[in-house]
Amino acid sequence: MESSSQKRTRVLDPIERSSEILFGLIMVLTFTSSLSAGDVGRDDVRTMLVGAIGCNLAWGLVDAVMYIMSSLSQRGRGLVIVQAVRRGDDAAASRGIIADSLPPLVASALGENELERIRLRLRELPEPPAKASVRGEDFLGAMAVFLVVFLSTFPVVVPFIFMSDPRTALRVSNGIAIVMLFVAGQSLARHAGGHPWRTGLAMVAVGVVLVGITIALGG
């Protein structure tokens, strides 16, 4: 079991990491899957490598920026809720605000007394900041997102770098991608309460379908 200090120092939780790996894999697969196993040359491979690495580099940056914006939005939403509870004169309405901000399953387990204790505790806290601001942990998380998306490219493209036969490299690359999709799906299932094997296989199927759709649409 992890200690509370370990949980606080974790930059990305397991679900976030698995999701970002899956995203990076699907992006790079749209490039490697565009190669034809029957007719592929070194120039085609070089073009694919530049495109795959460049695409994941760009989307890693985009995803990192979106991570910061999402963190800021969530923190701002939390401040709005806290300020509404602290300034509200209607205790019942404030308890409703608290319940609405919680996951439905958690909220359903709390009675009026528990919600009232949370309301009183929030009113006793020091005055919160007027608005949310970006923190250092947000930049760490954004950096982790970028690295996960970008580095997930390399296991799939490494065969094209070190193998002289492009057709063999393509087969090995596809095998690596399938394994990575399966493992990422298993990891996602373990932390989201799903069945690891079924989720892993489903993730492989979903990845193949998404790559096919992306290629068909010109992506």
Protein backbone atom coordinates (compact mmCIF):
# COMPACT_ATOMS: atom_id res chain seq x y z
CA MET A 1 0.00 0.00 0.00
CA GLU A 2 1.30 3.47 -0.88
CA SER A 3 1.85 6.04 1.81
CA SER A 4 0.15 9.43 1.65
CA SER A 5 3.49 11.11 0.97
CA GLN A 6 4.02 8.89 -2.08
CA LYS A 7 0.61 9.84 -3.41
CA ARG A 8 1.32 13.54 -2.96
CA THR A 9 4.63 13.38 -4.79
CA ARG A 10 3.32 11.41 -7.78
CA VAL A 11 3.22 13.68 -10.82
CA LEU A 12 0.75 11.65 -12.89
CA ASP A 13 -1.56 9.00 -11.54
CA PRO A 14 -1.57 5.55 -13.21
CA ILE A 15 -4.72 6.25 -15.22
CA GLU A 16 -3.27 9.48 -16.59
CA ARG A 17 -0.02 7.74 -17.52
CA SER A 18 -1.78 4.87 -19.27
CA SER A 19 -4.07 7.25 -21.13
CA GLU A 20 -1.17 9.37 -22.36
CA ILE A 21 0.76 6.28 -23.49
CA LEU A 22 -2.27 5.08 -25.43
CA PHE A 23 -2.64 8.50 -27.01
CA GLY A 24 1.02 8.58 -28.06
CA LEU A 25 0.84 5.04 -29.44
CA ILE A 26 -2.20 5.76 -31.56
CA MET A 27 -0.56 8.89 -32.95
CA VAL A 28 2.64 7.10 -33.99
CA LEU A 29 0.72 4.12 -35.38
CA THR A 30 -1.05 6.39 -37.85
CA PHE A 31 2.38 6.89 -39.44
CA THR A 32 3.87 3.39 -39.23
CA SER A 33 0.62 1.80 -40.43
CA SER A 34 0.64 4.01 -43.52
CA LEU A 35 3.65 2.05 -44.83
CA SER A 36 2.99 -0.84 -47.17
CA ALA A 37 4.67 -4.09 -46.15
CA GLY A 38 4.96 -5.10 -49.81
CA ASP A 39 6.54 -1.94 -51.17
CA VAL A 40 8.51 0.19 -48.72
CA GLY A 41 11.91 1.78 -49.23
CA ARG A 42 14.39 3.65 -47.07
CA ASP A 43 13.08 7.02 -48.29
CA ASP A 44 9.59 6.02 -47.17
CA VAL A 45 10.94 4.98 -43.79
CA ARG A 46 12.85 8.23 -43.38
CA THR A 47 9.76 10.28 -44.20
CA MET A 48 7.70 8.21 -41.78
CA LEU A 49 10.24 8.64 -38.96
CA VAL A 50 10.35 12.41 -39.38
CA GLY A 51 6.57 12.60 -39.48
CA ALA A 52 5.99 10.30 -36.50
CA ILE A 53 8.53 11.96 -34.24
CA GLY A 54 7.47 15.45 -35.29
CA CYS A 55 3.79 14.68 -34.79
CA ASN A 56 4.25 13.26 -31.29
CA LEU A 57 6.54 16.15 -30.41
CA ALA A 58 3.86 18.64 -31.45
CA TRP A 59 1.01 16.77 -29.77
CA GLY A 60 3.08 16.25 -26.64
CA LEU A 61 3.44 20.03 -26.39
CA VAL A 62 -0.27 20.57 -27.07
CA ASP A 63 -1.26 17.98 -24.47
CA ALA A 64 1.13 19.52 -21.94
CA VAL A 65 -0.45 22.95 -22.38
CA MET A 66 -3.92 21.43 -22.09
CA TYR A 67 -2.84 19.70 -18.86
CA ILE A 68 -1.89 23.08 -17.34
CA MET A 69 -5.17 24.64 -18.49
CA SER A 70 -7.16 21.72 -17.09
CA SER A 71 -5.36 21.90 -13.74
CA LEU A 72 -5.98 25.65 -13.55
CA SER A 73 -9.66 25.19 -14.43
CA GLN A 74 -10.15 22.50 -11.79
CA ARG A 75 -8.44 24.62 -9.16
CA GLY A 76 -10.56 27.61 -10.13
CA ARG A 77 -13.72 25.52 -9.89
CA GLY A 78 -12.68 24.39 -6.42
CA LEU A 79 -12.21 28.00 -5.32
CA VAL A 80 -15.65 28.93 -6.65
CA ILE A 81 -17.21 26.12 -4.62
CA VAL A 82 -15.31 27.00 -1.44
CA GLN A 83 -16.18 30.69 -1.75
CA ALA A 84 -19.85 29.91 -2.38
CA VAL A 85 -19.98 27.75 0.75
CA ARG A 86 -18.11 30.27 2.90
CA ARG A 87 -20.27 33.20 1.81
CA GLY A 88 -23.61 31.40 1.69
CA ASP A 89 -26.12 32.13 4.45
CA ASP A 90 -28.36 29.17 3.62
CA ALA A 91 -26.82 26.09 5.25
CA ALA A 92 -28.99 23.66 3.28
CA ALA A 93 -28.03 25.29 -0.03
CA SER A 94 -24.35 25.16 0.94
CA ARG A 95 -24.63 21.47 1.76
CA GLY A 96 -26.18 20.97 -1.67
CA ILE A 97 -23.23 22.74 -3.31
CA ILE A 98 -20.82 20.46 -1.47
CA ALA A 99 -22.76 17.32 -2.41
CA ASP A 100 -22.93 18.38 -6.07
CA SER A 101 -19.15 18.88 -6.16
CA LEU A 102 -18.46 15.32 -4.98
CA PRO A 103 -18.57 12.13 -7.07
CA PRO A 104 -22.18 10.82 -6.98
CA LEU A 105 -21.22 7.59 -5.18
CA VAL A 106 -19.35 9.53 -2.47
CA ALA A 107 -22.12 12.10 -2.11
CA SER A 108 -24.75 9.37 -1.72
CA ALA A 109 -22.80 7.90 1.20
CA LEU A 110 -22.76 11.18 3.14
CA GLY A 111 -25.65 12.24 5.30
CA GLU A 112 -26.68 15.72 6.37
CA ASN A 113 -24.43 15.57 9.43
CA GLU A 114 -21.32 14.73 7.42
CA LEU A 115 -22.07 17.43 4.86
CA GLU A 116 -22.67 19.93 7.63
CA ARG A 117 -19.31 19.12 9.22
CA ILE A 118 -17.63 19.70 5.85
CA ARG A 119 -19.49 23.01 5.47
CA LEU A 120 -18.41 24.21 8.90
CA ARG A 121 -14.84 23.11 8.30
CA LEU A 122 -14.70 25.05 5.04
CA ARG A 123 -16.01 28.16 6.77
CA GLU A 124 -13.28 27.84 9.43
CA LEU A 125 -10.42 27.65 6.92
CA PRO A 126 -8.26 30.72 6.25
CA GLU A 127 -9.50 32.96 3.45
CA PRO A 128 -8.63 31.29 0.13
CA PRO A 129 -7.00 33.21 -2.73
CA ALA A 130 -9.30 35.29 -4.89
CA LYS A 131 -8.41 33.39 -8.04
CA ALA A 132 -6.57 30.26 -9.08
CA SER A 133 -2.97 30.44 -10.26
CA VAL A 134 -0.59 28.07 -11.99
CA ARG A 135 1.69 26.15 -9.63
CA GLY A 136 5.03 24.43 -10.02
CA GLU A 137 3.34 21.04 -9.79
CA ASP A 138 1.31 21.93 -12.88
CA PHE A 139 4.50 22.43 -14.89
CA LEU A 140 5.87 19.12 -13.56
CA GLY A 141 2.69 17.38 -14.63
CA ALA A 142 2.81 19.05 -18.03
CA MET A 143 6.43 17.97 -18.49
CA ALA A 144 5.49 14.40 -17.54
CA VAL A 145 2.62 14.43 -20.06
CA PHE A 146 4.94 15.68 -22.80
CA LEU A 147 7.59 13.06 -22.05
CA VAL A 148 5.09 10.19 -21.90
CA VAL A 149 3.47 11.14 -25.22
CA PHE A 150 6.78 11.85 -26.94
CA LEU A 151 8.76 8.88 -25.60
CA SER A 152 5.97 6.42 -26.40
CA THR A 153 6.97 7.01 -30.03
CA PHE A 154 10.39 5.43 -29.77
CA PRO A 155 9.71 1.73 -29.02
CA VAL A 156 7.52 1.63 -32.14
CA VAL A 157 10.01 3.40 -34.45
CA VAL A 158 13.24 1.86 -33.11
CA PRO A 159 13.01 -1.19 -35.45
CA PHE A 160 13.11 1.15 -38.46
CA ILE A 161 16.29 2.77 -37.11
CA PHE A 162 18.26 -0.41 -36.43
CA MET A 163 16.89 -2.87 -38.99
CA SER A 164 18.08 -2.70 -42.58
CA ASP A 165 15.04 -4.51 -44.03
CA PRO A 166 12.04 -2.12 -43.85
CA ARG A 167 9.50 -4.96 -44.21
CA THR A 168 10.91 -6.86 -41.24
CA ALA A 169 11.11 -3.62 -39.26
CA LEU A 170 7.45 -2.94 -40.00
CA ARG A 171 6.40 -6.37 -38.68
CA VAL A 172 8.50 -5.98 -35.52
CA SER A 173 7.20 -2.45 -35.01
CA ASN A 174 3.59 -3.63 -35.28
CA GLY A 175 4.31 -6.40 -32.78
CA ILE A 176 5.80 -3.92 -30.30
CA ALA A 177 2.82 -1.61 -30.72
CA ILE A 178 0.35 -4.43 -30.07
CA VAL A 179 2.21 -5.44 -26.90
CA MET A 180 2.35 -1.83 -25.68
CA LEU A 181 -1.36 -1.32 -26.34
CA PHE A 182 -2.15 -4.50 -24.45
CA VAL A 183 0.06 -3.62 -21.46
CA ALA A 184 -1.28 -0.06 -21.29
CA GLY A 185 -4.83 -1.43 -21.39
CA GLN A 186 -4.04 -3.86 -18.58
CA SER A 187 -2.57 -1.07 -16.47
CA LEU A 188 -5.62 1.09 -17.08
CA ALA A 189 -7.91 -1.77 -16.05
CA ARG A 190 -6.01 -2.50 -12.82
CA HIS A 191 -6.44 1.07 -11.63
CA ALA A 192 -9.96 1.62 -12.98
CA GLY A 193 -11.51 -1.59 -11.68
CA GLY A 194 -11.73 -3.43 -15.00
CA HIS A 195 -10.64 -6.92 -16.10
CA PRO A 196 -6.94 -6.66 -17.14
CA TRP A 197 -6.95 -9.26 -19.92
CA ARG A 198 -10.25 -8.19 -21.47
CA THR A 199 -9.34 -4.51 -21.26
CA GLY A 200 -5.90 -5.17 -22.73
CA LEU A 201 -7.37 -7.02 -25.71
CA ALA A 202 -10.09 -4.40 -26.09
CA MET A 203 -7.47 -1.65 -26.11
CA VAL A 204 -5.60 -3.41 -28.91
CA ALA A 205 -8.83 -3.60 -30.92
CA VAL A 206 -9.75 0.01 -30.18
CA GLY A 207 -6.25 1.17 -31.11
CA VAL A 208 -6.39 -0.67 -34.45
CA VAL A 209 -9.84 0.77 -35.23
CA LEU A 210 -8.84 4.32 -34.29
CA VAL A 211 -5.68 4.11 -36.37
CA GLY A 212 -7.71 2.83 -39.33
CA ILE A 213 -10.24 5.66 -38.99
CA THR A 214 -7.47 8.25 -38.67
CA ILE A 215 -5.68 6.99 -41.79
CA ALA A 216 -8.95 6.80 -43.73
CA LEU A 217 -9.71 10.42 -42.85
CA GLY A 218 -6.26 11.50 -44.03
CA GLY A 219 -4.67 11.84 -40.60
